[in-house]
């Protein structure tokens, strides 16, 4: 059995969005700006230096399920963007 895993890291999910909404309002910034600052300050090893969207994560999951990805075996996808 071969297992491919998707490890998206910080993702702008509903939970993460609600966590940073108040800060965004207080600072007059968008949720995306605050999320990016959070990732850069607290997850500095992030390859893309921002939170991935849930759509980006979903697209990666769809990819590894496609017949066209049949040659992808034992893959660890560290970021979905």
PDB file of N, CA and C in Angstrom:
ATOM      1  N   UNK A   1       0.838  -1.164   0.000  1.00  0.00           N
ATOM      2  CA  UNK A   1       0.000   0.000   0.000  1.00  0.00           C
ATOM      3  C   UNK A   1       0.896   1.244   0.000  1.00  0.00           C
ATOM      4  N   UNK A   2       0.548   2.208  -0.829  1.00  0.00           N
ATOM      5  CA  UNK A   2       1.257   3.484  -0.885  1.00  0.00           C
ATOM      6  C   UNK A   2       0.329   4.571  -0.358  1.00  0.00           C
ATOM      7  N   UNK A   3       0.886   5.452   0.434  1.00  0.00           N
ATOM      8  CA  UNK A   3       0.088   6.540   0.997  1.00  0.00           C
ATOM      9  C   UNK A   3       0.705   7.869   0.590  1.00  0.00           C
ATOM     10  N   UNK A   4      -0.096   8.730   0.015  1.00  0.00           N
ATOM     11  CA  UNK A   4       0.303  10.106  -0.246  1.00  0.00           C
ATOM     12  C   UNK A   4      -0.337  10.954   0.844  1.00  0.00           C
ATOM     13  N   UNK A   5       0.400  11.906   1.376  1.00  0.00           N
ATOM     14  CA  UNK A   5      -0.166  12.752   2.424  1.00  0.00           C
ATOM     15  C   UNK A   5      -0.037  14.225   2.046  1.00  0.00           C
ATOM     16  N   UNK A   6      -1.034  14.982   2.409  1.00  0.00           N
ATOM     17  CA  UNK A   6      -1.044  16.421   2.168  1.00  0.00           C
ATOM     18  C   UNK A   6      -0.910  17.100   3.522  1.00  0.00           C
ATOM     19  N   UNK A   7       0.140  17.894   3.676  1.00  0.00           N
ATOM     20  CA  UNK A   7       0.423  18.579   4.929  1.00  0.00           C
ATOM     21  C   UNK A   7       0.392  20.087   4.660  1.00  0.00           C
ATOM     22  N   UNK A   8      -0.793  20.673   4.660  1.00  0.00           N
ATOM     23  CA  UNK A   8      -0.917  22.043   4.164  1.00  0.00           C
ATOM     24  C   UNK A   8      -0.332  23.138   5.043  1.00  0.00           C
ATOM     25  N   UNK A   9      -0.073  22.870   6.293  1.00  0.00           N
ATOM     26  CA  UNK A   9       0.408  23.947   7.152  1.00  0.00           C
ATOM     27  C   UNK A   9      -0.720  24.930   7.418  1.00  0.00           C
ATOM     28  N   UNK A  10      -0.386  26.170   7.779  1.00  0.00           N
ATOM     29  CA  UNK A  10      -1.442  27.149   8.084  1.00  0.00           C
ATOM     30  C   UNK A  10      -2.380  27.328   6.894  1.00  0.00           C
ATOM     31  N   UNK A  11      -3.663  27.178   7.160  1.00  0.00           N
ATOM     32  CA  UNK A  11      -4.675  27.265   6.122  1.00  0.00           C
ATOM     33  C   UNK A  11      -5.756  28.239   6.564  1.00  0.00           C
ATOM     34  N   UNK A  12      -6.191  29.100   5.678  1.00  0.00           N
ATOM     35  CA  UNK A  12      -7.201  30.099   6.011  1.00  0.00           C
ATOM     36  C   UNK A  12      -8.585  29.453   6.028  1.00  0.00           C
ATOM     37  N   UNK A  13      -8.747  28.551   6.982  1.00  0.00           N
ATOM     38  CA  UNK A  13     -10.013  27.849   7.183  1.00  0.00           C
ATOM     39  C   UNK A  13     -10.955  28.761   7.972  1.00  0.00           C
ATOM     40  N   UNK A  14     -12.186  28.322   8.153  1.00  0.00           N
ATOM     41  CA  UNK A  14     -13.134  29.110   8.937  1.00  0.00           C
ATOM     42  C   UNK A  14     -12.613  29.363  10.348  1.00  0.00           C
ATOM     43  N   UNK A  15     -12.008  28.350  10.950  1.00  0.00           N
ATOM     44  CA  UNK A  15     -11.481  28.496  12.307  1.00  0.00           C
ATOM     45  C   UNK A  15     -10.347  29.498  12.400  1.00  0.00           C
ATOM     46  N   UNK A  16      -9.404  29.416  11.458  1.00  0.00           N
ATOM     47  CA  UNK A  16      -8.273  30.346  11.445  1.00  0.00           C
ATOM     48  C   UNK A  16      -8.770  31.753  11.138  1.00  0.00           C
ATOM     49  N   UNK A  17      -9.706  31.852  10.201  1.00  0.00           N
ATOM     50  CA  UNK A  17     -10.278  33.151   9.841  1.00  0.00           C
ATOM     51  C   UNK A  17     -10.925  33.809  11.068  1.00  0.00           C
ATOM     52  N   UNK A  18     -11.723  33.045  11.816  1.00  0.00           N
ATOM     53  CA  UNK A  18     -12.382  33.626  12.989  1.00  0.00           C
ATOM     54  C   UNK A  18     -11.375  34.004  14.069  1.00  0.00           C
ATOM     55  N   UNK A  19     -10.249  33.297  14.116  1.00  0.00           N
ATOM     56  CA  UNK A  19      -9.215  33.602  15.099  1.00  0.00           C
ATOM     57  C   UNK A  19      -8.576  34.967  14.839  1.00  0.00           C
ATOM     58  N   UNK A  20      -8.442  35.357  13.559  1.00  0.00           N
ATOM     59  CA  UNK A  20      -7.747  36.604  13.239  1.00  0.00           C
ATOM     60  C   UNK A  20      -8.686  37.761  12.863  1.00  0.00           C
ATOM     61  N   UNK A  21      -9.993  37.522  12.782  1.00  0.00           N
ATOM     62  CA  UNK A  21     -10.926  38.575  12.373  1.00  0.00           C
ATOM     63  C   UNK A  21     -10.889  39.798  13.283  1.00  0.00           C
ATOM     64  N   UNK A  22     -10.929  39.587  14.598  1.00  0.00           N
ATOM     65  CA  UNK A  22     -10.929  40.723  15.526  1.00  0.00           C
ATOM     66  C   UNK A  22      -9.646  41.539  15.396  1.00  0.00           C
ATOM     67  N   UNK A  23      -8.524  40.853  15.282  1.00  0.00           N
ATOM     68  CA  UNK A  23      -7.239  41.545  15.114  1.00  0.00           C
ATOM     69  C   UNK A  23      -7.241  42.364  13.836  1.00  0.00           C
ATOM     70  N   UNK A  24      -7.779  41.809  12.771  1.00  0.00           N
ATOM     71  CA  UNK A  24      -7.837  42.515  11.490  1.00  0.00           C
ATOM     72  C   UNK A  24      -8.662  43.794  11.631  1.00  0.00           C
ATOM     73  N   UNK A  25      -9.812  43.697  12.282  1.00  0.00           N
ATOM     74  CA  UNK A  25     -10.668  44.873  12.473  1.00  0.00           C
ATOM     75  C   UNK A  25      -9.955  45.929  13.318  1.00  0.00           C
ATOM     76  N   UNK A  26      -9.325  45.474  14.406  1.00  0.00           N
ATOM     77  CA  UNK A  26      -8.619  46.399  15.307  1.00  0.00           C
ATOM     78  C   UNK A  26      -7.489  47.131  14.591  1.00  0.00           C
ATOM     79  N   UNK A  27      -6.801  46.448  13.701  1.00  0.00           N
ATOM     80  CA  UNK A  27      -5.641  47.015  13.020  1.00  0.00           C
ATOM     81  C   UNK A  27      -5.978  47.636  11.664  1.00  0.00           C
ATOM     82  N   UNK A  28      -7.244  47.571  11.259  1.00  0.00           N
ATOM     83  CA  UNK A  28      -7.650  48.125   9.974  1.00  0.00           C
ATOM     84  C   UNK A  28      -7.036  47.395   8.790  1.00  0.00           C
ATOM     85  N   UNK A  29      -6.878  46.087   8.946  1.00  0.00           N
ATOM     86  CA  UNK A  29      -6.274  45.263   7.893  1.00  0.00           C
ATOM     87  C   UNK A  29      -7.266  44.206   7.456  1.00  0.00           C
ATOM     88  N   UNK A  30      -6.964  43.561   6.343  1.00  0.00           N
ATOM     89  CA  UNK A  30      -7.796  42.448   5.900  1.00  0.00           C
ATOM     90  C   UNK A  30      -7.410  41.194   6.692  1.00  0.00           C
ATOM     91  N   UNK A  31      -8.304  40.237   6.697  1.00  0.00           N
ATOM     92  CA  UNK A  31      -8.022  38.954   7.346  1.00  0.00           C
ATOM     93  C   UNK A  31      -6.805  38.302   6.686  1.00  0.00           C
ATOM     94  N   UNK A  32      -6.717  38.407   5.375  1.00  0.00           N
ATOM     95  CA  UNK A  32      -5.592  37.810   4.648  1.00  0.00           C
ATOM     96  C   UNK A  32      -4.264  38.443   5.051  1.00  0.00           C
ATOM     97  N   UNK A  33      -4.259  39.779   5.247  1.00  0.00           N
ATOM     98  CA  UNK A  33      -3.029  40.454   5.674  1.00  0.00           C
ATOM     99  C   UNK A  33      -2.590  39.980   7.056  1.00  0.00           C
ATOM    100  N   UNK A  34      -3.531  39.897   7.986  1.00  0.00           N
ATOM    101  CA  UNK A  34      -3.206  39.452   9.343  1.00  0.00           C
ATOM    102  C   UNK A  34      -2.761  37.995   9.325  1.00  0.00           C
ATOM    103  N   UNK A  35      -3.418  37.165   8.518  1.00  0.00           N
ATOM    104  CA  UNK A  35      -3.030  35.757   8.411  1.00  0.00           C
ATOM    105  C   UNK A  35      -1.609  35.630   7.867  1.00  0.00           C
ATOM    106  N   UNK A  36      -1.275  36.434   6.867  1.00  0.00           N
ATOM    107  CA  UNK A  36       0.081  36.410   6.299  1.00  0.00           C
ATOM    108  C   UNK A  36       1.105  36.830   7.344  1.00  0.00           C
ATOM    109  N   UNK A  37       0.801  37.875   8.091  1.00  0.00           N
ATOM    110  CA  UNK A  37       1.715  38.317   9.153  1.00  0.00           C
ATOM    111  C   UNK A  37       1.905  37.221  10.194  1.00  0.00           C
ATOM    112  N   UNK A  38       0.811  36.552  10.555  1.00  0.00           N
ATOM    113  CA  UNK A  38       0.879  35.455  11.522  1.00  0.00           C
ATOM    114  C   UNK A  38       1.821  34.362  11.016  1.00  0.00           C
ATOM    115  N   UNK A  39       1.641  33.971   9.761  1.00  0.00           N
ATOM    116  CA  UNK A  39       2.473  32.902   9.194  1.00  0.00           C
ATOM    117  C   UNK A  39       3.939  33.330   9.174  1.00  0.00           C
ATOM    118  N   UNK A  40       4.224  34.537   8.723  1.00  0.00           N
ATOM    119  CA  UNK A  40       5.614  35.008   8.633  1.00  0.00           C
ATOM    120  C   UNK A  40       6.273  35.130  10.002  1.00  0.00           C
ATOM    121  N   UNK A  41       5.497  35.517  11.016  1.00  0.00           N
ATOM    122  CA  UNK A  41       6.059  35.683  12.358  1.00  0.00           C
ATOM    123  C   UNK A  41       6.144  34.372  13.137  1.00  0.00           C
ATOM    124  N   UNK A  42       5.131  33.519  12.981  1.00  0.00           N
ATOM    125  CA  UNK A  42       5.051  32.328  13.839  1.00  0.00           C
ATOM    126  C   UNK A  42       5.299  31.009  13.127  1.00  0.00           C
ATOM    127  N   UNK A  43       5.311  31.029  11.820  1.00  0.00           N
ATOM    128  CA  UNK A  43       5.576  29.822  11.021  1.00  0.00           C
ATOM    129  C   UNK A  43       6.592  30.183   9.939  1.00  0.00           C
ATOM    130  N   UNK A  44       7.728  30.695  10.363  1.00  0.00           N
ATOM    131  CA  UNK A  44       8.720  31.226   9.424  1.00  0.00           C
ATOM    132  C   UNK A  44       9.266  30.178   8.458  1.00  0.00           C
ATOM    133  N   UNK A  45       9.101  28.908   8.757  1.00  0.00           N
ATOM    134  CA  UNK A  45       9.583  27.868   7.850  1.00  0.00           C
ATOM    135  C   UNK A  45       8.617  27.623   6.689  1.00  0.00           C
ATOM    136  N   UNK A  46       7.476  28.300   6.688  1.00  0.00           N
ATOM    137  CA  UNK A  46       6.493  28.143   5.608  1.00  0.00           C
ATOM    138  C   UNK A  46       7.126  28.509   4.276  1.00  0.00           C
ATOM    139  N   UNK A  47       6.969  27.647   3.312  1.00  0.00           N
ATOM    140  CA  UNK A  47       7.548  27.868   1.989  1.00  0.00           C
ATOM    141  C   UNK A  47       6.882  29.042   1.283  1.00  0.00           C
ATOM    142  N   UNK A  48       5.563  29.157   1.369  1.00  0.00           N
ATOM    143  CA  UNK A  48       4.861  30.211   0.632  1.00  0.00           C
ATOM    144  C   UNK A  48       4.659  31.482   1.448  1.00  0.00           C
ATOM    145  N   UNK A  49       5.005  31.454   2.727  1.00  0.00           N
ATOM    146  CA  UNK A  49       4.958  32.630   3.605  1.00  0.00           C
ATOM    147  C   UNK A  49       3.578  33.290   3.689  1.00  0.00           C
ATOM    148  N   UNK A  50       2.540  32.473   3.609  1.00  0.00           N
ATOM    149  CA  UNK A  50       1.167  32.947   3.778  1.00  0.00           C
ATOM    150  C   UNK A  50       0.315  31.727   4.099  1.00  0.00           C
ATOM    151  N   UNK A  51      -0.904  31.981   4.536  1.00  0.00           N
ATOM    152  CA  UNK A  51      -1.829  30.875   4.769  1.00  0.00           C
ATOM    153  C   UNK A  51      -2.359  30.381   3.421  1.00  0.00           C
ATOM    154  N   UNK A  52      -2.409  29.096   3.252  1.00  0.00           N
ATOM    155  CA  UNK A  52      -3.002  28.519   2.044  1.00  0.00           C
ATOM    156  C   UNK A  52      -4.514  28.677   2.116  1.00  0.00           C
ATOM    157  N   UNK A  53      -5.151  28.796   0.980  1.00  0.00           N
ATOM    158  CA  UNK A  53      -6.617  28.838   0.977  1.00  0.00           C
ATOM    159  C   UNK A  53      -7.133  27.400   1.059  1.00  0.00           C
ATOM    160  N   UNK A  54      -8.364  27.258   1.518  1.00  0.00           N
ATOM    161  CA  UNK A  54      -8.939  25.912   1.580  1.00  0.00           C
ATOM    162  C   UNK A  54      -9.077  25.335   0.170  1.00  0.00           C
ATOM    163  N   UNK A  55      -9.266  26.214  -0.813  1.00  0.00           N
ATOM    164  CA  UNK A  55      -9.367  25.752  -2.198  1.00  0.00           C
ATOM    165  C   UNK A  55      -8.038  25.174  -2.681  1.00  0.00           C
ATOM    166  N   UNK A  56      -6.927  25.784  -2.289  1.00  0.00           N
ATOM    167  CA  UNK A  56      -5.612  25.263  -2.676  1.00  0.00           C
ATOM    168  C   UNK A  56      -5.385  23.874  -2.083  1.00  0.00           C
ATOM    169  N   UNK A  57      -5.784  23.697  -0.837  1.00  0.00           N
ATOM    170  CA  UNK A  57      -5.640  22.390  -0.195  1.00  0.00           C
ATOM    171  C   UNK A  57      -6.536  21.367  -0.896  1.00  0.00           C
ATOM    172  N   UNK A  58      -7.775  21.752  -1.165  1.00  0.00           N
ATOM    173  CA  UNK A  58      -8.707  20.850  -1.848  1.00  0.00           C
ATOM    174  C   UNK A  58      -8.189  20.466  -3.230  1.00  0.00           C
ATOM    175  N   UNK A  59      -7.611  21.431  -3.950  1.00  0.00           N
ATOM    176  CA  UNK A  59      -7.071  21.129  -5.281  1.00  0.00           C
ATOM    177  C   UNK A  59      -5.944  20.105  -5.213  1.00  0.00           C
ATOM    178  N   UNK A  60      -5.100  20.190  -4.192  1.00  0.00           N
ATOM    179  CA  UNK A  60      -4.018  19.220  -4.056  1.00  0.00           C
ATOM    180  C   UNK A  60      -4.577  17.831  -3.756  1.00  0.00           C
ATOM    181  N   UNK A  61      -5.596  17.771  -2.911  1.00  0.00           N
ATOM    182  CA  UNK A  61      -6.222  16.482  -2.596  1.00  0.00           C
ATOM    183  C   UNK A  61      -6.845  15.885  -3.861  1.00  0.00           C
ATOM    184  N   UNK A  62      -7.532  16.721  -4.632  1.00  0.00           N
ATOM    185  CA  UNK A  62      -8.119  16.245  -5.893  1.00  0.00           C
ATOM    186  C   UNK A  62      -7.017  15.710  -6.802  1.00  0.00           C
ATOM    187  N   UNK A  63      -5.911  16.446  -6.908  1.00  0.00           N
ATOM    188  CA  UNK A  63      -4.811  16.010  -7.776  1.00  0.00           C
ATOM    189  C   UNK A  63      -4.327  14.607  -7.409  1.00  0.00           C
ATOM    190  N   UNK A  64      -4.056  14.361  -6.132  1.00  0.00           N
ATOM    191  CA  UNK A  64      -3.493  13.055  -5.775  1.00  0.00           C
ATOM    192  C   UNK A  64      -4.500  11.920  -5.960  1.00  0.00           C
ATOM    193  N   UNK A  65      -5.771  12.285  -6.144  1.00  0.00           N
ATOM    194  CA  UNK A  65      -6.795  11.267  -6.388  1.00  0.00           C
ATOM    195  C   UNK A  65      -7.026  10.996  -7.874  1.00  0.00           C
ATOM    196  N   UNK A  66      -6.463  11.817  -8.747  1.00  0.00           N
ATOM    197  CA  UNK A  66      -6.683  11.669 -10.186  1.00  0.00           C
ATOM    198  C   UNK A  66      -5.880  10.513 -10.782  1.00  0.00           C
ATOM    199  N   UNK A  67      -6.410   9.937 -11.836  1.00  0.00           N
ATOM    200  CA  UNK A  67      -5.680   8.908 -12.575  1.00  0.00           C
ATOM    201  C   UNK A  67      -4.358   9.469 -13.091  1.00  0.00           C
ATOM    202  N   UNK A  68      -4.349  10.747 -13.492  1.00  0.00           N
ATOM    203  CA  UNK A  68      -3.134  11.376 -14.012  1.00  0.00           C
ATOM    204  C   UNK A  68      -2.030  11.447 -12.957  1.00  0.00           C
ATOM    205  N   UNK A  69      -2.375  11.299 -11.688  1.00  0.00           N
ATOM    206  CA  UNK A  69      -1.380  11.326 -10.617  1.00  0.00           C
ATOM    207  C   UNK A  69      -0.959   9.914 -10.213  1.00  0.00           C
ATOM    208  N   UNK A  70      -1.297   8.919 -11.018  1.00  0.00           N
ATOM    209  CA  UNK A  70      -1.028   7.528 -10.644  1.00  0.00           C
ATOM    210  C   UNK A  70       0.462   7.238 -10.468  1.00  0.00           C
ATOM    211  N   UNK A  71       1.308   8.045 -11.077  1.00  0.00           N
ATOM    212  CA  UNK A  71       2.755   7.870 -10.899  1.00  0.00           C
ATOM    213  C   UNK A  71       3.282   8.539  -9.641  1.00  0.00           C
ATOM    214  N   UNK A  72       2.426   9.232  -8.948  1.00  0.00           N
ATOM    215  CA  UNK A  72       2.809   9.892  -7.700  1.00  0.00           C
ATOM    216  C   UNK A  72       2.631   8.881  -6.581  1.00  0.00           C
ATOM    217  N   UNK A  73       3.717   8.407  -6.039  1.00  0.00           N
ATOM    218  CA  UNK A  73       3.663   7.349  -5.018  1.00  0.00           C
ATOM    219  C   UNK A  73       4.485   7.738  -3.809  1.00  0.00           C
ATOM    220  N   UNK A  74       3.886   7.553  -2.644  1.00  0.00           N
ATOM    221  CA  UNK A  74       4.619   7.816  -1.413  1.00  0.00           C
ATOM    222  C   UNK A  74       5.044   9.263  -1.271  1.00  0.00           C
ATOM    223  N   UNK A  75       4.217  10.160  -1.773  1.00  0.00           N
ATOM    224  CA  UNK A  75       4.567  11.584  -1.797  1.00  0.00           C
ATOM    225  C   UNK A  75       4.124  12.266  -0.517  1.00  0.00           C
ATOM    226  N   UNK A  76       4.991  13.118  -0.006  1.00  0.00           N
ATOM    227  CA  UNK A  76       4.664  13.990   1.125  1.00  0.00           C
ATOM    228  C   UNK A  76       4.645  15.401   0.556  1.00  0.00           C
ATOM    229  N   UNK A  77       3.490  16.002   0.495  1.00  0.00           N
ATOM    230  CA  UNK A  77       3.350  17.350  -0.049  1.00  0.00           C
ATOM    231  C   UNK A  77       3.381  18.331   1.122  1.00  0.00           C
ATOM    232  N   UNK A  78       4.520  19.035   1.328  1.00  0.00           N
ATOM    233  CA  UNK A  78       4.640  19.867   2.503  1.00  0.00           C
ATOM    234  C   UNK A  78       3.851  21.156   2.452  1.00  0.00           C
ATOM    235  N   UNK A  79       3.566  21.677   1.287  1.00  0.00           N
ATOM    236  CA  UNK A  79       2.758  22.884   1.143  1.00  0.00           C
ATOM    237  C   UNK A  79       1.885  22.713  -0.080  1.00  0.00           C
ATOM    238  N   UNK A  80       0.705  23.264  -0.014  1.00  0.00           N
ATOM    239  CA  UNK A  80      -0.249  23.098  -1.101  1.00  0.00           C
ATOM    240  C   UNK A  80      -0.346  24.320  -1.979  1.00  0.00           C
ATOM    241  N   UNK A  81       0.728  24.956  -2.248  1.00  0.00           N
ATOM    242  CA  UNK A  81       0.670  26.106  -3.140  1.00  0.00           C
ATOM    243  C   UNK A  81       2.004  26.271  -3.827  1.00  0.00           C
TER     244      UNK A  81
END
